[in-house]
């Protein structure tokens, strides 16, 4: 229950703060002369996983891990990459295949590493079991979310202005499922703790 609420309100807070930052010009914050903007995505993901980390571990350390994972994994890495001209893509031009590959690799690695770190720090068993449980819970959330969108296409078809301060129902549903499934998986892992011989 706490994980679902944390994901729900974390998604709402992340949307609002990212939109306010975007209106203040944060899209160019840390960005070099090459590559796409990245700071709004790093900020949204950091706030979202900080909320889930706080619910999962109930400690400041797990919230901090959720916050710093995307800020360092996406923000710092992309800040360095957008200063490298070898892949081209000056501002205003279409993305090159190299940039699309780089962005996909950086975002995917950072997000899953953050999820695993939250699980490792929140585990009541061993760190690796916690990391696996968090990843499994997140995959389950993605599966449930995809099934819901396939079963009720109207959920995703509603028009919603991404620049509006009110977050979309799809984002809120994604947040609720992500937080609930991750924390539920960690709870199941704790229940199946091996008893000492």
C-alpha atoms as a PDB file:
ATOM      1  CA  UNK A   1       0.000   0.000   0.000  1.00  0.00           C
ATOM      2  CA  UNK A   2       2.770   2.418   0.960  1.00  0.00           C
ATOM      3  CA  UNK A   3       4.724   1.609  -2.182  1.00  0.00           C
ATOM      4  CA  UNK A   4       1.733   2.282  -4.416  1.00  0.00           C
ATOM      5  CA  UNK A   5       1.063   5.598  -2.705  1.00  0.00           C
ATOM      6  CA  UNK A   6       4.720   6.576  -2.920  1.00  0.00           C
ATOM      7  CA  UNK A   7       4.808   5.764  -6.625  1.00  0.00           C
ATOM      8  CA  UNK A   8       1.532   7.608  -7.248  1.00  0.00           C
ATOM      9  CA  UNK A   9       2.522  10.781  -5.408  1.00  0.00           C
ATOM     10  CA  UNK A  10       6.142  10.491  -6.562  1.00  0.00           C
ATOM     11  CA  UNK A  11       4.960  10.527 -10.185  1.00  0.00           C
ATOM     12  CA  UNK A  12       2.750  13.547  -9.457  1.00  0.00           C
ATOM     13  CA  UNK A  13       5.517  15.470  -7.685  1.00  0.00           C
ATOM     14  CA  UNK A  14       8.050  14.543 -10.366  1.00  0.00           C
ATOM     15  CA  UNK A  15       5.708  15.777 -13.104  1.00  0.00           C
ATOM     16  CA  UNK A  16       4.988  19.077 -11.369  1.00  0.00           C
ATOM     17  CA  UNK A  17       8.605  19.859 -10.433  1.00  0.00           C
ATOM     18  CA  UNK A  18       9.908  18.846 -13.861  1.00  0.00           C
ATOM     19  CA  UNK A  19       7.360  21.071 -15.575  1.00  0.00           C
ATOM     20  CA  UNK A  20       8.266  24.008 -13.346  1.00  0.00           C
ATOM     21  CA  UNK A  21      11.964  23.404 -14.016  1.00  0.00           C
ATOM     22  CA  UNK A  22      11.265  23.141 -17.745  1.00  0.00           C
ATOM     23  CA  UNK A  23       9.450  26.486 -17.687  1.00  0.00           C
ATOM     24  CA  UNK A  24      12.511  27.975 -16.017  1.00  0.00           C
ATOM     25  CA  UNK A  25      14.746  26.731 -18.850  1.00  0.00           C
ATOM     26  CA  UNK A  26      16.147  23.587 -17.240  1.00  0.00           C
ATOM     27  CA  UNK A  27      16.181  21.726 -20.571  1.00  0.00           C
ATOM     28  CA  UNK A  28      19.582  23.296 -21.289  1.00  0.00           C
ATOM     29  CA  UNK A  29      20.943  22.773 -17.758  1.00  0.00           C
ATOM     30  CA  UNK A  30      24.180  20.742 -17.912  1.00  0.00           C
ATOM     31  CA  UNK A  31      23.771  20.185 -21.649  1.00  0.00           C
ATOM     32  CA  UNK A  32      26.741  20.565 -23.975  1.00  0.00           C
ATOM     33  CA  UNK A  33      26.614  21.687 -27.612  1.00  0.00           C
ATOM     34  CA  UNK A  34      25.793  18.215 -28.971  1.00  0.00           C
ATOM     35  CA  UNK A  35      23.087  15.653 -28.422  1.00  0.00           C
ATOM     36  CA  UNK A  36      19.538  15.906 -27.070  1.00  0.00           C
ATOM     37  CA  UNK A  37      18.280  17.642 -23.946  1.00  0.00           C
ATOM     38  CA  UNK A  38      18.245  15.302 -20.973  1.00  0.00           C
ATOM     39  CA  UNK A  39      17.936  17.173 -17.689  1.00  0.00           C
ATOM     40  CA  UNK A  40      14.107  17.098 -17.418  1.00  0.00           C
ATOM     41  CA  UNK A  41      14.105  13.301 -17.814  1.00  0.00           C
ATOM     42  CA  UNK A  42      16.921  12.904 -15.276  1.00  0.00           C
ATOM     43  CA  UNK A  43      15.068  15.150 -12.801  1.00  0.00           C
ATOM     44  CA  UNK A  44      11.699  13.402 -13.267  1.00  0.00           C
ATOM     45  CA  UNK A  45      13.234   9.950 -12.853  1.00  0.00           C
ATOM     46  CA  UNK A  46      15.255  11.031  -9.812  1.00  0.00           C
ATOM     47  CA  UNK A  47      12.228  12.436  -7.950  1.00  0.00           C
ATOM     48  CA  UNK A  48      10.087   9.439  -8.900  1.00  0.00           C
ATOM     49  CA  UNK A  49      12.601   6.848  -7.674  1.00  0.00           C
ATOM     50  CA  UNK A  50      13.451   8.878  -4.565  1.00  0.00           C
ATOM     51  CA  UNK A  51       9.799   8.527  -3.514  1.00  0.00           C
ATOM     52  CA  UNK A  52       9.768   4.785  -4.251  1.00  0.00           C
ATOM     53  CA  UNK A  53      13.129   4.348  -2.514  1.00  0.00           C
ATOM     54  CA  UNK A  54      11.787   6.091   0.593  1.00  0.00           C
ATOM     55  CA  UNK A  55       8.831   3.690   0.718  1.00  0.00           C
ATOM     56  CA  UNK A  56      10.891   0.585  -0.069  1.00  0.00           C
ATOM     57  CA  UNK A  57      13.636   1.041   2.505  1.00  0.00           C
ATOM     58  CA  UNK A  58      11.996   3.472   4.929  1.00  0.00           C
ATOM     59  CA  UNK A  59      15.386   5.107   5.296  1.00  0.00           C
ATOM     60  CA  UNK A  60      17.011   8.261   3.975  1.00  0.00           C
ATOM     61  CA  UNK A  61      19.687   6.132   2.279  1.00  0.00           C
ATOM     62  CA  UNK A  62      17.240   4.379  -0.028  1.00  0.00           C
ATOM     63  CA  UNK A  63      15.525   7.658  -0.943  1.00  0.00           C
ATOM     64  CA  UNK A  64      18.944   9.177  -1.658  1.00  0.00           C
ATOM     65  CA  UNK A  65      19.871   6.187  -3.829  1.00  0.00           C
ATOM     66  CA  UNK A  66      16.665   6.679  -5.832  1.00  0.00           C
ATOM     67  CA  UNK A  67      17.456  10.376  -6.223  1.00  0.00           C
ATOM     68  CA  UNK A  68      21.146  10.138  -7.082  1.00  0.00           C
ATOM     69  CA  UNK A  69      20.925   7.102  -9.375  1.00  0.00           C
ATOM     70  CA  UNK A  70      19.278   8.986 -12.271  1.00  0.00           C
ATOM     71  CA  UNK A  71      20.959  12.329 -11.526  1.00  0.00           C
ATOM     72  CA  UNK A  72      24.388  10.720 -11.798  1.00  0.00           C
ATOM     73  CA  UNK A  73      23.556   7.902 -14.203  1.00  0.00           C
ATOM     74  CA  UNK A  74      21.658  10.057 -16.682  1.00  0.00           C
ATOM     75  CA  UNK A  75      22.534  13.646 -15.760  1.00  0.00           C
ATOM     76  CA  UNK A  76      26.288  13.347 -15.254  1.00  0.00           C
ATOM     77  CA  UNK A  77      26.858  10.854 -18.073  1.00  0.00           C
ATOM     78  CA  UNK A  78      24.812  12.825 -20.598  1.00  0.00           C
ATOM     79  CA  UNK A  79      26.473  16.075 -19.501  1.00  0.00           C
ATOM     80  CA  UNK A  80      29.794  14.515 -20.515  1.00  0.00           C
ATOM     81  CA  UNK A  81      28.492  12.902 -23.710  1.00  0.00           C
ATOM     82  CA  UNK A  82      26.839  16.101 -24.990  1.00  0.00           C
ATOM     83  CA  UNK A  83      30.260  17.733 -24.956  1.00  0.00           C
ATOM     84  CA  UNK A  84      31.650  15.109 -27.325  1.00  0.00           C
ATOM     85  CA  UNK A  85      31.348  16.024 -31.004  1.00  0.00           C
ATOM     86  CA  UNK A  86      32.216  12.605 -32.436  1.00  0.00           C
ATOM     87  CA  UNK A  87      28.556  11.583 -32.733  1.00  0.00           C
ATOM     88  CA  UNK A  88      27.465  14.823 -34.342  1.00  0.00           C
ATOM     89  CA  UNK A  89      23.921  16.042 -33.805  1.00  0.00           C
ATOM     90  CA  UNK A  90      24.411  19.752 -33.164  1.00  0.00           C
ATOM     91  CA  UNK A  91      21.365  21.412 -31.642  1.00  0.00           C
ATOM     92  CA  UNK A  92      18.407  21.756 -33.946  1.00  0.00           C
ATOM     93  CA  UNK A  93      19.312  18.792 -36.160  1.00  0.00           C
ATOM     94  CA  UNK A  94      17.764  15.335 -36.183  1.00  0.00           C
ATOM     95  CA  UNK A  95      19.333  12.700 -33.933  1.00  0.00           C
ATOM     96  CA  UNK A  96      21.928  10.379 -35.402  1.00  0.00           C
ATOM     97  CA  UNK A  97      21.706   6.590 -34.897  1.00  0.00           C
ATOM     98  CA  UNK A  98      24.746   6.863 -32.607  1.00  0.00           C
ATOM     99  CA  UNK A  99      22.917   9.292 -30.339  1.00  0.00           C
ATOM    100  CA  UNK A 100      19.794   7.157 -30.271  1.00  0.00           C
ATOM    101  CA  UNK A 101      21.910   4.184 -29.213  1.00  0.00           C
ATOM    102  CA  UNK A 102      23.765   6.214 -26.579  1.00  0.00           C
ATOM    103  CA  UNK A 103      20.578   7.655 -25.080  1.00  0.00           C
ATOM    104  CA  UNK A 104      18.892   4.246 -24.990  1.00  0.00           C
ATOM    105  CA  UNK A 105      21.912   2.618 -23.329  1.00  0.00           C
ATOM    106  CA  UNK A 106      22.421   5.407 -20.762  1.00  0.00           C
ATOM    107  CA  UNK A 107      18.755   5.678 -19.772  1.00  0.00           C
ATOM    108  CA  UNK A 108      18.164   1.924 -19.603  1.00  0.00           C
ATOM    109  CA  UNK A 109      21.326   1.210 -17.612  1.00  0.00           C
ATOM    110  CA  UNK A 110      20.720   4.066 -15.183  1.00  0.00           C
ATOM    111  CA  UNK A 111      17.080   3.215 -14.477  1.00  0.00           C
ATOM    112  CA  UNK A 112      17.619  -0.519 -13.930  1.00  0.00           C
ATOM    113  CA  UNK A 113      20.760   0.102 -11.872  1.00  0.00           C
ATOM    114  CA  UNK A 114      18.770   2.511  -9.677  1.00  0.00           C
ATOM    115  CA  UNK A 115      15.985  -0.053  -9.224  1.00  0.00           C
ATOM    116  CA  UNK A 116      18.523  -2.742  -8.321  1.00  0.00           C
ATOM    117  CA  UNK A 117      20.297  -0.413  -5.876  1.00  0.00           C
ATOM    118  CA  UNK A 118      17.030   0.475  -4.141  1.00  0.00           C
ATOM    119  CA  UNK A 119      16.293  -3.237  -3.796  1.00  0.00           C
ATOM    120  CA  UNK A 120      19.791  -4.051  -2.536  1.00  0.00           C
ATOM    121  CA  UNK A 121      19.630  -1.317   0.117  1.00  0.00           C
ATOM    122  CA  UNK A 122      16.062  -2.207   1.141  1.00  0.00           C
ATOM    123  CA  UNK A 123      16.545  -5.975   1.373  1.00  0.00           C
ATOM    124  CA  UNK A 124      15.736  -7.816   4.568  1.00  0.00           C
ATOM    125  CA  UNK A 125      17.609 -10.832   3.159  1.00  0.00           C
ATOM    126  CA  UNK A 126      20.815 -10.422   1.133  1.00  0.00           C
ATOM    127  CA  UNK A 127      21.643  -7.465  -1.094  1.00  0.00           C
ATOM    128  CA  UNK A 128      21.535  -9.523  -4.294  1.00  0.00           C
ATOM    129  CA  UNK A 129      18.138 -11.016  -3.451  1.00  0.00           C
ATOM    130  CA  UNK A 130      16.801  -7.543  -2.764  1.00  0.00           C
ATOM    131  CA  UNK A 131      18.162  -6.281  -6.078  1.00  0.00           C
ATOM    132  CA  UNK A 132      16.606  -9.213  -7.957  1.00  0.00           C
ATOM    133  CA  UNK A 133      13.284  -8.756  -6.139  1.00  0.00           C
ATOM    134  CA  UNK A 134      13.163  -5.047  -7.020  1.00  0.00           C
ATOM    135  CA  UNK A 135      13.929  -5.765 -10.678  1.00  0.00           C
ATOM    136  CA  UNK A 136      11.325  -8.573 -10.755  1.00  0.00           C
ATOM    137  CA  UNK A 137       8.735  -6.290  -9.136  1.00  0.00           C
ATOM    138  CA  UNK A 138       9.428  -3.551 -11.671  1.00  0.00           C
ATOM    139  CA  UNK A 139       9.131  -6.011 -14.555  1.00  0.00           C
ATOM    140  CA  UNK A 140       5.830  -7.225 -13.099  1.00  0.00           C
ATOM    141  CA  UNK A 141       4.604  -3.613 -12.899  1.00  0.00           C
ATOM    142  CA  UNK A 142       5.531  -3.089 -16.541  1.00  0.00           C
ATOM    143  CA  UNK A 143       3.672  -6.281 -17.496  1.00  0.00           C
ATOM    144  CA  UNK A 144       0.523  -5.336 -15.575  1.00  0.00           C
ATOM    145  CA  UNK A 145       0.657  -1.792 -16.971  1.00  0.00           C
ATOM    146  CA  UNK A 146       0.998  -3.095 -20.545  1.00  0.00           C
ATOM    147  CA  UNK A 147      -1.883  -5.538 -20.062  1.00  0.00           C
ATOM    148  CA  UNK A 148      -4.117  -2.782 -18.676  1.00  0.00           C
ATOM    149  CA  UNK A 149      -3.342  -0.503 -21.616  1.00  0.00           C
ATOM    150  CA  UNK A 150      -4.057  -3.359 -24.049  1.00  0.00           C
ATOM    151  CA  UNK A 151      -7.298  -4.309 -22.291  1.00  0.00           C
ATOM    152  CA  UNK A 152      -8.517  -0.712 -21.901  1.00  0.00           C
ATOM    153  CA  UNK A 153      -6.982   1.307 -24.764  1.00  0.00           C
ATOM    154  CA  UNK A 154      -9.009   4.368 -23.764  1.00  0.00           C
ATOM    155  CA  UNK A 155      -6.632   4.865 -20.825  1.00  0.00           C
ATOM    156  CA  UNK A 156      -3.758   5.749 -23.144  1.00  0.00           C
ATOM    157  CA  UNK A 157      -5.821   7.423 -25.875  1.00  0.00           C
ATOM    158  CA  UNK A 158      -6.989  10.352 -23.791  1.00  0.00           C
ATOM    159  CA  UNK A 159      -5.401  13.623 -24.871  1.00  0.00           C
ATOM    160  CA  UNK A 160      -3.284  15.231 -22.196  1.00  0.00           C
ATOM    161  CA  UNK A 161      -1.028  18.240 -22.494  1.00  0.00           C
ATOM    162  CA  UNK A 162       2.423  17.149 -21.249  1.00  0.00           C
ATOM    163  CA  UNK A 163       3.142  20.787 -20.342  1.00  0.00           C
ATOM    164  CA  UNK A 164       0.141  20.972 -18.000  1.00  0.00           C
ATOM    165  CA  UNK A 165       0.948  21.063 -14.292  1.00  0.00           C
ATOM    166  CA  UNK A 166      -1.627  18.343 -13.622  1.00  0.00           C
ATOM    167  CA  UNK A 167      -0.068  14.923 -14.389  1.00  0.00           C
ATOM    168  CA  UNK A 168      -1.824  12.532 -16.742  1.00  0.00           C
ATOM    169  CA  UNK A 169      -3.785   9.537 -15.409  1.00  0.00           C
ATOM    170  CA  UNK A 170      -1.445   7.243 -17.365  1.00  0.00           C
ATOM    171  CA  UNK A 171       1.596   8.597 -15.482  1.00  0.00           C
ATOM    172  CA  UNK A 172      -0.204   8.237 -12.172  1.00  0.00           C
ATOM    173  CA  UNK A 173      -1.220   4.645 -12.946  1.00  0.00           C
ATOM    174  CA  UNK A 174       2.348   3.829 -13.981  1.00  0.00           C
ATOM    175  CA  UNK A 175       3.654   5.344 -10.747  1.00  0.00           C
ATOM    176  CA  UNK A 176       1.152   3.478  -8.590  1.00  0.00           C
ATOM    177  CA  UNK A 177       1.936   0.110 -10.206  1.00  0.00           C
ATOM    178  CA  UNK A 178       5.709   0.668 -10.172  1.00  0.00           C
ATOM    179  CA  UNK A 179       5.821   1.543  -6.485  1.00  0.00           C
ATOM    180  CA  UNK A 180       3.352  -1.142  -5.426  1.00  0.00           C
ATOM    181  CA  UNK A 181       4.959  -4.003  -7.363  1.00  0.00           C
ATOM    182  CA  UNK A 182       8.533  -3.129  -6.363  1.00  0.00           C
ATOM    183  CA  UNK A 183       7.668  -2.904  -2.661  1.00  0.00           C
ATOM    184  CA  UNK A 184       5.460  -6.006  -2.855  1.00  0.00           C
ATOM    185  CA  UNK A 185       8.307  -8.016  -4.390  1.00  0.00           C
ATOM    186  CA  UNK A 186      10.648  -6.895  -1.596  1.00  0.00           C
ATOM    187  CA  UNK A 187       8.000  -7.858   0.950  1.00  0.00           C
ATOM    188  CA  UNK A 188       7.679 -11.340  -0.571  1.00  0.00           C
ATOM    189  CA  UNK A 189      11.468 -11.713  -0.520  1.00  0.00           C
ATOM    190  CA  UNK A 190      11.522 -10.852   3.187  1.00  0.00           C
ATOM    191  CA  UNK A 191       8.810 -13.438   3.950  1.00  0.00           C
ATOM    192  CA  UNK A 192      10.852 -16.201   2.326  1.00  0.00           C
ATOM    193  CA  UNK A 193      13.953 -15.466   4.341  1.00  0.00           C
ATOM    194  CA  UNK A 194      15.971 -18.597   5.036  1.00  0.00           C
ATOM    195  CA  UNK A 195      16.111 -19.613   8.651  1.00  0.00           C
ATOM    196  CA  UNK A 196      19.604 -20.152  10.062  1.00  0.00           C
ATOM    197  CA  UNK A 197      20.564 -23.834  10.388  1.00  0.00           C
END
